[in-house]
Amino acid sequence: MKVNANTMRKGHILEHNGRLYVITGTQIVQPGKGGAFIQLEMKDVKSGNKNIERFRTGEAVERARLDDHEMTFLFAEDDNYTFMDKETFEQVTIAGDIIGDGKIFLQDGMEVVVQSFEGTPLSVELPQSVILMITEADPVVKGQTASSSYKPAVLENGARVMVPPHIESGTRIVVNIETGEYMERAKD
């Protein structure tokens, strides 16, 4: 199906020059002269070769027709991640490189969408955000909360994130999975 190039996101599958590519990164570039364009970092599904393509933002690209399966994350073993199909209860093991950087945010029972082409899993679409607890954070320095500075913190999954100074160890926060950035304090 044809879609605008500027709607492509990390994890989407693109059919380009007769091959399937997984989008591994996007960047919109607005040069001083001429129209804006989107730069897509892509990885060939079969060969694993990486390449960068540029498209005009209004240009139509062919998004591959994939089968979407709603699945539940069960467990991880080494760099393999096991999911269960919510309809058939069939279990599928997917390599970590297919999931990408977001694999560190996977939690037991997390609902995801696994996209496959002719029965082969190609990408895993994670939720937009996840709630995690901070296990380590520097103490609050008096007067620091007035400025817009951030401090490093370590989450329960081992990921590092920059948080506002008033956030302390033991606080549950919402993290954007795609960017790995702090969004807000959890409302629970």
N, C-alpha and C. Protein backbone atom coordinates (compact mmCIF):
# COMPACT_ATOMS: atom_id res chain seq x y z
N MET A 1 0.84 -1.17 0.00
CA MET A 1 0.00 0.00 0.00
C MET A 1 0.89 1.24 0.00
N LYS A 2 0.48 2.21 -0.77
CA LYS A 2 1.26 3.45 -0.88
C LYS A 2 0.94 4.37 0.30
N VAL A 3 2.01 4.92 0.91
CA VAL A 3 1.86 5.89 2.00
C VAL A 3 2.87 7.01 1.78
N ASN A 4 2.65 8.15 2.42
CA ASN A 4 3.62 9.24 2.35
C ASN A 4 4.89 8.85 3.07
N ALA A 5 6.02 9.22 2.53
CA ALA A 5 7.31 8.88 3.11
C ALA A 5 7.45 9.44 4.52
N ASN A 6 6.86 10.61 4.78
CA ASN A 6 7.03 11.21 6.10
C ASN A 6 6.20 10.53 7.19
N THR A 7 5.38 9.53 6.84
CA THR A 7 4.64 8.77 7.86
C THR A 7 5.41 7.52 8.30
N MET A 8 6.51 7.22 7.65
CA MET A 8 7.30 6.03 8.00
C MET A 8 7.98 6.25 9.35
N ARG A 9 7.97 5.23 10.18
CA ARG A 9 8.57 5.28 11.51
C ARG A 9 9.47 4.07 11.72
N LYS A 10 10.28 4.15 12.75
CA LYS A 10 11.18 3.07 13.13
C LYS A 10 10.36 1.78 13.33
N GLY A 11 10.80 0.70 12.71
CA GLY A 11 10.11 -0.58 12.85
C GLY A 11 9.17 -0.88 11.69
N HIS A 12 8.78 0.12 10.90
CA HIS A 12 7.91 -0.13 9.74
C HIS A 12 8.68 -0.89 8.67
N ILE A 13 7.94 -1.62 7.85
CA ILE A 13 8.54 -2.41 6.78
C ILE A 13 8.21 -1.73 5.44
N LEU A 14 9.24 -1.53 4.64
CA LEU A 14 9.12 -0.81 3.37
C LEU A 14 9.52 -1.74 2.24
N GLU A 15 8.76 -1.71 1.14
CA GLU A 15 9.12 -2.46 -0.05
C GLU A 15 9.72 -1.46 -1.02
N HIS A 16 11.03 -1.62 -1.31
CA HIS A 16 11.75 -0.65 -2.14
C HIS A 16 12.69 -1.40 -3.08
N ASN A 17 12.60 -1.09 -4.36
CA ASN A 17 13.44 -1.75 -5.38
C ASN A 17 13.34 -3.27 -5.33
N GLY A 18 12.13 -3.77 -5.07
CA GLY A 18 11.90 -5.22 -5.08
C GLY A 18 12.39 -5.94 -3.85
N ARG A 19 12.78 -5.24 -2.81
CA ARG A 19 13.28 -5.87 -1.58
C ARG A 19 12.52 -5.34 -0.38
N LEU A 20 12.54 -6.11 0.70
CA LEU A 20 11.91 -5.67 1.95
C LEU A 20 12.96 -5.08 2.87
N TYR A 21 12.64 -3.93 3.46
CA TYR A 21 13.54 -3.25 4.39
C TYR A 21 12.81 -2.92 5.68
N VAL A 22 13.51 -3.05 6.80
CA VAL A 22 12.99 -2.61 8.09
C VAL A 22 13.57 -1.23 8.34
N ILE A 23 12.73 -0.26 8.70
CA ILE A 23 13.21 1.09 9.00
C ILE A 23 13.85 1.06 10.39
N THR A 24 15.13 1.45 10.46
CA THR A 24 15.83 1.46 11.75
C THR A 24 16.01 2.87 12.29
N GLY A 25 15.72 3.87 11.49
CA GLY A 25 15.82 5.25 11.95
C GLY A 25 15.27 6.21 10.91
N THR A 26 14.75 7.35 11.37
CA THR A 26 14.24 8.36 10.46
C THR A 26 14.75 9.73 10.88
N GLN A 27 14.89 10.61 9.90
CA GLN A 27 15.29 11.98 10.19
C GLN A 27 14.73 12.88 9.09
N ILE A 28 14.02 13.93 9.51
CA ILE A 28 13.49 14.89 8.55
C ILE A 28 14.52 16.01 8.42
N VAL A 29 14.92 16.29 7.19
CA VAL A 29 15.95 17.29 6.92
C VAL A 29 15.32 18.43 6.12
N GLN A 30 15.57 19.66 6.58
CA GLN A 30 15.08 20.84 5.88
C GLN A 30 16.27 21.68 5.46
N PRO A 31 16.73 21.47 4.23
CA PRO A 31 17.89 22.25 3.78
C PRO A 31 17.52 23.72 3.59
N GLY A 32 18.51 24.58 3.55
CA GLY A 32 18.28 26.00 3.35
C GLY A 32 17.61 26.29 2.03
N LYS A 33 17.92 25.50 1.03
CA LYS A 33 17.34 25.67 -0.30
C LYS A 33 16.57 24.41 -0.67
N GLY A 34 15.43 24.57 -1.31
CA GLY A 34 14.68 23.41 -1.76
C GLY A 34 13.73 22.89 -0.69
N GLY A 35 13.01 21.84 -1.04
CA GLY A 35 12.01 21.27 -0.14
C GLY A 35 12.61 20.32 0.88
N ALA A 36 11.84 20.07 1.92
CA ALA A 36 12.27 19.14 2.97
C ALA A 36 12.24 17.71 2.44
N PHE A 37 13.05 16.85 3.05
CA PHE A 37 13.03 15.44 2.69
C PHE A 37 13.22 14.61 3.94
N ILE A 38 12.86 13.35 3.85
CA ILE A 38 13.03 12.45 4.98
C ILE A 38 14.12 11.45 4.62
N GLN A 39 15.02 11.23 5.56
CA GLN A 39 16.11 10.29 5.37
C GLN A 39 15.77 9.04 6.19
N LEU A 40 15.70 7.90 5.53
CA LEU A 40 15.36 6.64 6.18
C LEU A 40 16.58 5.73 6.26
N GLU A 41 16.92 5.31 7.47
CA GLU A 41 17.95 4.28 7.65
C GLU A 41 17.21 2.96 7.58
N MET A 42 17.66 2.08 6.68
CA MET A 42 16.94 0.84 6.43
C MET A 42 17.89 -0.36 6.49
N LYS A 43 17.32 -1.51 6.90
CA LYS A 43 18.09 -2.74 6.93
C LYS A 43 17.36 -3.77 6.08
N ASP A 44 18.06 -4.35 5.11
CA ASP A 44 17.49 -5.37 4.25
C ASP A 44 17.12 -6.59 5.10
N VAL A 45 15.88 -7.04 4.97
CA VAL A 45 15.39 -8.15 5.79
C VAL A 45 16.16 -9.43 5.53
N LYS A 46 16.45 -9.74 4.27
CA LYS A 46 17.13 -11.00 3.95
C LYS A 46 18.63 -10.95 4.17
N SER A 47 19.31 -9.95 3.63
CA SER A 47 20.77 -9.92 3.69
C SER A 47 21.30 -9.25 4.95
N GLY A 48 20.49 -8.39 5.57
CA GLY A 48 20.96 -7.67 6.75
C GLY A 48 21.77 -6.42 6.42
N ASN A 49 21.97 -6.14 5.13
CA ASN A 49 22.73 -4.95 4.72
C ASN A 49 21.96 -3.69 5.08
N LYS A 50 22.70 -2.69 5.56
CA LYS A 50 22.08 -1.42 5.93
C LYS A 50 22.30 -0.41 4.82
N ASN A 51 21.35 0.50 4.68
CA ASN A 51 21.48 1.52 3.67
C ASN A 51 20.61 2.72 4.04
N ILE A 52 20.91 3.86 3.49
CA ILE A 52 20.18 5.09 3.78
C ILE A 52 19.59 5.61 2.47
N GLU A 53 18.31 5.91 2.50
CA GLU A 53 17.61 6.44 1.32
C GLU A 53 16.95 7.76 1.70
N ARG A 54 16.87 8.67 0.73
CA ARG A 54 16.19 9.95 0.94
C ARG A 54 14.97 10.02 0.05
N PHE A 55 13.87 10.51 0.62
CA PHE A 55 12.63 10.69 -0.12
C PHE A 55 12.11 12.09 0.16
N ARG A 56 11.45 12.69 -0.83
CA ARG A 56 10.75 13.95 -0.58
C ARG A 56 9.62 13.65 0.39
N THR A 57 9.29 14.60 1.27
CA THR A 57 8.29 14.32 2.30
C THR A 57 6.92 13.99 1.73
N GLY A 58 6.57 14.52 0.57
CA GLY A 58 5.29 14.22 -0.04
C GLY A 58 5.30 13.00 -0.94
N GLU A 59 6.46 12.40 -1.15
CA GLU A 59 6.61 11.27 -2.06
C GLU A 59 5.93 10.02 -1.49
N ALA A 60 5.31 9.25 -2.36
CA ALA A 60 4.66 8.01 -1.95
C ALA A 60 5.65 6.86 -1.99
N VAL A 61 5.65 6.05 -0.94
CA VAL A 61 6.49 4.85 -0.87
C VAL A 61 5.59 3.65 -0.64
N GLU A 62 6.09 2.48 -0.95
CA GLU A 62 5.31 1.25 -0.84
C GLU A 62 5.57 0.59 0.52
N ARG A 63 4.58 0.64 1.39
CA ARG A 63 4.70 -0.04 2.68
C ARG A 63 4.24 -1.48 2.47
N ALA A 64 5.06 -2.43 2.90
CA ALA A 64 4.78 -3.85 2.66
C ALA A 64 3.50 -4.28 3.37
N ARG A 65 2.77 -5.17 2.73
CA ARG A 65 1.56 -5.73 3.35
C ARG A 65 2.00 -6.86 4.29
N LEU A 66 1.76 -6.64 5.55
CA LEU A 66 2.20 -7.59 6.57
C LEU A 66 1.01 -8.12 7.35
N ASP A 67 1.21 -9.27 7.97
CA ASP A 67 0.21 -9.82 8.87
C ASP A 67 0.53 -9.34 10.28
N ASP A 68 -0.46 -8.72 10.93
CA ASP A 68 -0.28 -8.26 12.31
C ASP A 68 -0.87 -9.29 13.26
N HIS A 69 -0.09 -9.64 14.29
CA HIS A 69 -0.55 -10.58 15.30
C HIS A 69 -0.39 -9.93 16.67
N GLU A 70 -1.50 -9.82 17.41
CA GLU A 70 -1.41 -9.30 18.77
C GLU A 70 -0.85 -10.41 19.65
N MET A 71 0.25 -10.09 20.33
CA MET A 71 0.92 -11.10 21.15
C MET A 71 1.26 -10.55 22.52
N THR A 72 1.55 -11.49 23.42
CA THR A 72 1.93 -11.15 24.78
C THR A 72 3.36 -11.62 25.00
N PHE A 73 4.19 -10.74 25.58
CA PHE A 73 5.58 -11.12 25.87
C PHE A 73 5.58 -12.06 27.06
N LEU A 74 6.30 -13.18 26.93
CA LEU A 74 6.37 -14.17 28.00
C LEU A 74 7.69 -14.11 28.76
N PHE A 75 8.80 -14.34 28.04
CA PHE A 75 10.11 -14.34 28.71
C PHE A 75 11.24 -14.18 27.70
N ALA A 76 12.42 -13.88 28.24
CA ALA A 76 13.62 -13.74 27.41
C ALA A 76 14.64 -14.76 27.87
N GLU A 77 15.35 -15.32 26.89
CA GLU A 77 16.44 -16.26 27.19
C GLU A 77 17.59 -15.91 26.26
N ASP A 78 18.73 -15.52 26.84
CA ASP A 78 19.86 -14.99 26.09
C ASP A 78 19.36 -13.78 25.28
N ASP A 79 19.49 -13.80 23.95
CA ASP A 79 18.99 -12.70 23.14
C ASP A 79 17.80 -13.14 22.30
N ASN A 80 17.04 -14.11 22.81
CA ASN A 80 15.83 -14.57 22.15
C ASN A 80 14.64 -14.27 23.06
N TYR A 81 13.56 -13.79 22.45
CA TYR A 81 12.39 -13.33 23.20
C TYR A 81 11.18 -14.13 22.75
N THR A 82 10.44 -14.68 23.72
CA THR A 82 9.30 -15.55 23.42
C THR A 82 8.00 -14.80 23.64
N PHE A 83 7.13 -14.87 22.62
CA PHE A 83 5.82 -14.22 22.65
C PHE A 83 4.75 -15.28 22.42
N MET A 84 3.52 -15.00 22.92
CA MET A 84 2.40 -15.91 22.70
C MET A 84 1.30 -15.18 21.95
N ASP A 85 0.81 -15.80 20.87
CA ASP A 85 -0.30 -15.25 20.09
C ASP A 85 -1.55 -15.27 20.96
N LYS A 86 -2.26 -14.15 21.04
CA LYS A 86 -3.44 -14.04 21.91
C LYS A 86 -4.62 -14.84 21.39
N GLU A 87 -4.65 -15.16 20.10
CA GLU A 87 -5.78 -15.90 19.55
C GLU A 87 -5.53 -17.40 19.51
N THR A 88 -4.36 -17.81 19.01
CA THR A 88 -4.07 -19.24 18.83
C THR A 88 -3.27 -19.84 19.99
N PHE A 89 -2.74 -18.99 20.88
CA PHE A 89 -1.90 -19.40 22.01
C PHE A 89 -0.60 -20.07 21.56
N GLU A 90 -0.26 -19.86 20.28
CA GLU A 90 0.99 -20.39 19.73
C GLU A 90 2.14 -19.51 20.22
N GLN A 91 3.28 -20.14 20.55
CA GLN A 91 4.44 -19.39 21.01
C GLN A 91 5.44 -19.20 19.88
N VAL A 92 6.02 -17.99 19.82
CA VAL A 92 6.99 -17.64 18.78
C VAL A 92 8.21 -17.06 19.47
N THR A 93 9.40 -17.50 19.07
CA THR A 93 10.64 -16.94 19.60
C THR A 93 11.25 -16.04 18.54
N ILE A 94 11.58 -14.80 18.96
CA ILE A 94 12.10 -13.80 18.04
C ILE A 94 13.45 -13.32 18.53
N ALA A 95 14.41 -13.19 17.61
CA ALA A 95 15.76 -12.73 17.95
C ALA A 95 15.72 -11.25 18.37
N GLY A 96 16.61 -10.88 19.26
CA GLY A 96 16.67 -9.52 19.79
C GLY A 96 16.94 -8.46 18.75
N ASP A 97 17.71 -8.79 17.70
CA ASP A 97 18.01 -7.77 16.69
C ASP A 97 16.78 -7.38 15.89
N ILE A 98 15.76 -8.24 15.83
CA ILE A 98 14.51 -7.89 15.14
C ILE A 98 13.72 -6.89 15.99
N ILE A 99 13.77 -7.05 17.30
CA ILE A 99 13.03 -6.15 18.19
C ILE A 99 13.70 -4.78 18.26
N GLY A 100 15.03 -4.76 18.26
CA GLY A 100 15.75 -3.49 18.28
C GLY A 100 16.04 -3.00 19.69
N ASP A 101 16.31 -1.70 19.80
CA ASP A 101 16.70 -1.11 21.08
C ASP A 101 15.60 -1.16 22.12
N GLY A 102 14.36 -1.24 21.70
CA GLY A 102 13.24 -1.25 22.64
C GLY A 102 13.15 -2.51 23.47
N LYS A 103 13.95 -3.53 23.16
CA LYS A 103 13.85 -4.80 23.88
C LYS A 103 14.14 -4.66 25.38
N ILE A 104 14.91 -3.65 25.75
CA ILE A 104 15.21 -3.45 27.17
C ILE A 104 13.96 -3.05 27.96
N PHE A 105 12.94 -2.54 27.27
CA PHE A 105 11.72 -2.10 27.94
C PHE A 105 10.64 -3.17 27.99
N LEU A 106 10.89 -4.36 27.42
CA LEU A 106 9.90 -5.44 27.47
C LEU A 106 9.66 -5.88 28.90
N GLN A 107 8.39 -6.06 29.26
CA GLN A 107 8.00 -6.51 30.59
C GLN A 107 7.09 -7.72 30.46
N ASP A 108 7.12 -8.61 31.44
CA ASP A 108 6.26 -9.79 31.42
C ASP A 108 4.81 -9.38 31.23
N GLY A 109 4.13 -10.02 30.28
CA GLY A 109 2.72 -9.75 30.03
C GLY A 109 2.46 -8.54 29.15
N MET A 110 3.52 -7.87 28.64
CA MET A 110 3.34 -6.68 27.79
C MET A 110 2.70 -7.08 26.46
N GLU A 111 1.68 -6.31 26.06
CA GLU A 111 1.00 -6.54 24.79
C GLU A 111 1.77 -5.85 23.67
N VAL A 112 2.09 -6.59 22.61
CA VAL A 112 2.82 -6.05 21.46
C VAL A 112 2.13 -6.51 20.17
N VAL A 113 2.54 -5.91 19.05
CA VAL A 113 2.05 -6.36 17.75
C VAL A 113 3.27 -6.87 16.97
N VAL A 114 3.23 -8.16 16.61
CA VAL A 114 4.31 -8.75 15.82
C VAL A 114 3.86 -8.75 14.37
N GLN A 115 4.69 -8.15 13.52
CA GLN A 115 4.38 -8.09 12.09
C GLN A 115 5.21 -9.15 11.38
N SER A 116 4.53 -9.95 10.56
CA SER A 116 5.24 -11.01 9.84
C SER A 116 4.89 -10.96 8.36
N PHE A 117 5.81 -11.46 7.57
CA PHE A 117 5.65 -11.54 6.11
C PHE A 117 5.82 -13.00 5.74
N GLU A 118 4.75 -13.61 5.21
CA GLU A 118 4.75 -15.03 4.83
C GLU A 118 5.22 -15.91 5.98
N GLY A 119 4.73 -15.62 7.19
CA GLY A 119 5.01 -16.43 8.37
C GLY A 119 6.31 -16.13 9.08
N THR A 120 7.15 -15.26 8.54
CA THR A 120 8.42 -14.91 9.17
C THR A 120 8.28 -13.58 9.91
N PRO A 121 8.51 -13.57 11.25
CA PRO A 121 8.42 -12.33 12.00
C PRO A 121 9.48 -11.33 11.52
N LEU A 122 9.04 -10.08 11.23
CA LEU A 122 9.96 -9.06 10.74
C LEU A 122 10.16 -7.92 11.72
N SER A 123 9.12 -7.59 12.49
CA SER A 123 9.26 -6.50 13.44
C SER A 123 8.29 -6.69 14.60
N VAL A 124 8.62 -6.03 15.70
CA VAL A 124 7.78 -6.05 16.89
C VAL A 124 7.47 -4.61 17.25
N GLU A 125 6.17 -4.27 17.24
CA GLU A 125 5.74 -2.92 17.58
C GLU A 125 5.39 -2.88 19.06
N LEU A 126 6.19 -2.14 19.83
CA LEU A 126 5.97 -2.03 21.26
C LEU A 126 4.99 -0.90 21.54
N PRO A 127 4.42 -0.85 22.75
CA PRO A 127 3.56 0.28 23.09
C PRO A 127 4.35 1.59 23.07
N GLN A 128 3.65 2.72 23.06
CA GLN A 128 4.30 4.04 23.01
C GLN A 128 5.14 4.30 24.25
N SER A 129 4.64 3.86 25.42
CA SER A 129 5.35 4.16 26.67
C SER A 129 5.23 3.00 27.64
N VAL A 130 6.05 3.06 28.69
CA VAL A 130 6.06 2.03 29.72
C VAL A 130 6.30 2.71 31.07
N ILE A 131 5.75 2.12 32.12
CA ILE A 131 5.95 2.66 33.47
C ILE A 131 7.01 1.82 34.18
N LEU A 132 8.05 2.49 34.67
CA LEU A 132 9.15 1.81 35.37
C LEU A 132 9.51 2.56 36.64
N MET A 133 10.13 1.84 37.58
CA MET A 133 10.56 2.45 38.83
C MET A 133 12.03 2.83 38.75
N ILE A 134 12.37 3.95 39.36
CA ILE A 134 13.76 4.39 39.42
C ILE A 134 14.42 3.70 40.61
N THR A 135 15.55 3.04 40.36
CA THR A 135 16.27 2.36 41.43
C THR A 135 17.42 3.19 41.96
N GLU A 136 17.98 4.05 41.13
CA GLU A 136 19.10 4.92 41.55
C GLU A 136 18.89 6.31 40.98
N ALA A 137 19.06 7.31 41.83
CA ALA A 137 19.00 8.71 41.37
C ALA A 137 19.79 9.55 42.36
N ASP A 138 20.46 10.56 41.84
CA ASP A 138 21.20 11.48 42.72
C ASP A 138 20.21 12.20 43.63
N PRO A 139 20.61 12.53 44.85
CA PRO A 139 19.71 13.26 45.75
C PRO A 139 19.43 14.68 45.23
N VAL A 140 18.33 15.24 45.69
CA VAL A 140 17.95 16.59 45.29
C VAL A 140 18.90 17.59 45.94
N VAL A 141 19.40 18.53 45.14
CA VAL A 141 20.26 19.60 45.66
C VAL A 141 19.38 20.82 45.83
N LYS A 142 19.44 21.43 47.02
CA LYS A 142 18.59 22.58 47.31
C LYS A 142 18.82 23.68 46.28
N GLY A 143 17.72 24.21 45.73
CA GLY A 143 17.81 25.27 44.74
C GLY A 143 17.92 24.77 43.32
N GLN A 144 18.21 23.48 43.14
CA GLN A 144 18.38 22.93 41.79
C GLN A 144 17.04 22.75 41.08
N THR A 145 15.96 22.62 41.85
CA THR A 145 14.65 22.38 41.23
C THR A 145 14.14 23.60 40.48
N ALA A 146 14.69 24.77 40.76
CA ALA A 146 14.24 25.98 40.07
C ALA A 146 14.74 26.04 38.63
N SER A 147 15.85 25.41 38.35
CA SER A 147 16.39 25.43 36.98
C SER A 147 15.80 24.28 36.17
N SER A 148 16.01 24.32 34.88
CA SER A 148 15.48 23.26 34.02
C SER A 148 16.53 22.19 33.75
N SER A 149 17.37 21.90 34.72
CA SER A 149 18.41 20.89 34.54
C SER A 149 17.83 19.49 34.79
N TYR A 150 18.50 18.51 34.27
CA TYR A 150 18.10 17.12 34.46
C TYR A 150 19.26 16.38 35.09
N LYS A 151 18.96 15.26 35.75
CA LYS A 151 20.00 14.44 36.36
C LYS A 151 19.83 13.00 35.89
N PRO A 152 20.92 12.22 35.88
CA PRO A 152 20.81 10.83 35.44
C PRO A 152 20.14 9.96 36.51
N ALA A 153 19.41 8.95 36.03
CA ALA A 153 18.76 7.98 36.93
C ALA A 153 18.83 6.61 36.27
N VAL A 154 18.80 5.57 37.09
CA VAL A 154 18.82 4.19 36.59
C VAL A 154 17.46 3.57 36.88
N LEU A 155 16.88 2.94 35.87
CA LEU A 155 15.57 2.32 36.00
C LEU A 155 15.71 0.87 36.45
N GLU A 156 14.60 0.26 36.84
CA GLU A 156 14.62 -1.12 37.32
C GLU A 156 15.09 -2.12 36.27
N ASN A 157 15.00 -1.77 34.98
CA ASN A 157 15.46 -2.67 33.93
C ASN A 157 16.93 -2.42 33.56
N GLY A 158 17.58 -1.48 34.25
CA GLY A 158 18.99 -1.19 34.01
C GLY A 158 19.22 -0.05 33.03
N ALA A 159 18.17 0.43 32.38
CA ALA A 159 18.31 1.54 31.43
C ALA A 159 18.58 2.84 32.18
N ARG A 160 19.32 3.73 31.52
CA ARG A 160 19.60 5.05 32.09
C ARG A 160 18.72 6.07 31.40
N VAL A 161 18.22 7.02 32.18
CA VAL A 161 17.34 8.05 31.66
C VAL A 161 17.61 9.35 32.42
N MET A 162 17.44 10.48 31.74
CA MET A 162 17.59 11.77 32.39
C MET A 162 16.23 12.20 32.93
N VAL A 163 16.19 12.58 34.23
CA VAL A 163 14.94 12.96 34.88
C VAL A 163 15.07 14.33 35.53
N PRO A 164 13.95 15.00 35.80
CA PRO A 164 14.01 16.29 36.50
C PRO A 164 14.58 16.10 37.91
N PRO A 165 15.15 17.14 38.50
CA PRO A 165 15.82 17.03 39.79
C PRO A 165 14.92 16.57 40.94
N HIS A 166 13.61 16.85 40.88
CA HIS A 166 12.72 16.49 41.99
C HIS A 166 12.37 15.00 42.03
N ILE A 167 12.70 14.25 41.00
CA ILE A 167 12.40 12.81 40.95
C ILE A 167 13.44 12.07 41.79
N GLU A 168 12.95 11.21 42.70
CA GLU A 168 13.84 10.48 43.61
C GLU A 168 13.81 8.99 43.33
N SER A 169 14.73 8.28 43.95
CA SER A 169 14.78 6.83 43.85
C SER A 169 13.48 6.27 44.43
N GLY A 170 12.91 5.23 43.79
CA GLY A 170 11.65 4.65 44.24
C GLY A 170 10.44 5.23 43.55
N THR A 171 10.61 6.28 42.77
CA THR A 171 9.51 6.91 42.04
C THR A 171 9.23 6.14 40.75
N ARG A 172 7.95 5.98 40.45
CA ARG A 172 7.56 5.33 39.18
C ARG A 172 7.34 6.41 38.15
N ILE A 173 7.96 6.22 36.96
CA ILE A 173 7.86 7.22 35.90
C ILE A 173 7.41 6.58 34.59
N VAL A 174 6.93 7.41 33.67
CA VAL A 174 6.54 6.97 32.34
C VAL A 174 7.70 7.30 31.39
N VAL A 175 8.15 6.29 30.62
CA VAL A 175 9.26 6.46 29.70
C VAL A 175 8.77 6.20 28.28
N ASN A 176 9.15 7.08 27.35
CA ASN A 176 8.84 6.90 25.93
C ASN A 176 9.76 5.80 25.40
N ILE A 177 9.19 4.70 24.91
CA ILE A 177 9.99 3.56 24.47
C ILE A 177 10.81 3.89 23.23
N GLU A 178 10.24 4.65 22.30
CA GLU A 178 10.95 4.94 21.04
C GLU A 178 12.20 5.79 21.27
N THR A 179 12.10 6.79 22.16
CA THR A 179 13.24 7.69 22.39
C THR A 179 14.02 7.35 23.65
N GLY A 180 13.42 6.58 24.57
CA GLY A 180 14.08 6.26 25.83
C GLY A 180 14.15 7.45 26.77
N GLU A 181 13.23 8.42 26.61
CA GLU A 181 13.25 9.64 27.42
C GLU A 181 12.12 9.65 28.44
N TYR A 182 12.38 10.35 29.54
CA TYR A 182 11.39 10.59 30.60
C TYR A 182 10.23 11.39 30.03
N MET A 183 9.00 10.98 30.33
CA MET A 183 7.82 11.73 29.87
C MET A 183 7.14 12.44 31.03
N GLU A 184 6.86 11.69 32.12
CA GLU A 184 6.17 12.25 33.27
C GLU A 184 6.23 11.27 34.44
N ARG A 185 5.82 11.75 35.60
CA ARG A 185 5.70 10.88 36.77
C ARG A 185 4.45 10.02 36.57
N ALA A 186 4.52 8.73 36.95
CA ALA A 186 3.38 7.83 36.78
C ALA A 186 2.23 8.26 37.69
N LYS A 187 1.02 8.17 37.18
CA LYS A 187 -0.16 8.59 37.93
C LYS A 187 -0.82 7.38 38.59
N ASP A 188 -0.12 6.72 39.50
CA ASP A 188 -0.76 5.56 40.15
C ASP A 188 -0.54 5.54 41.61
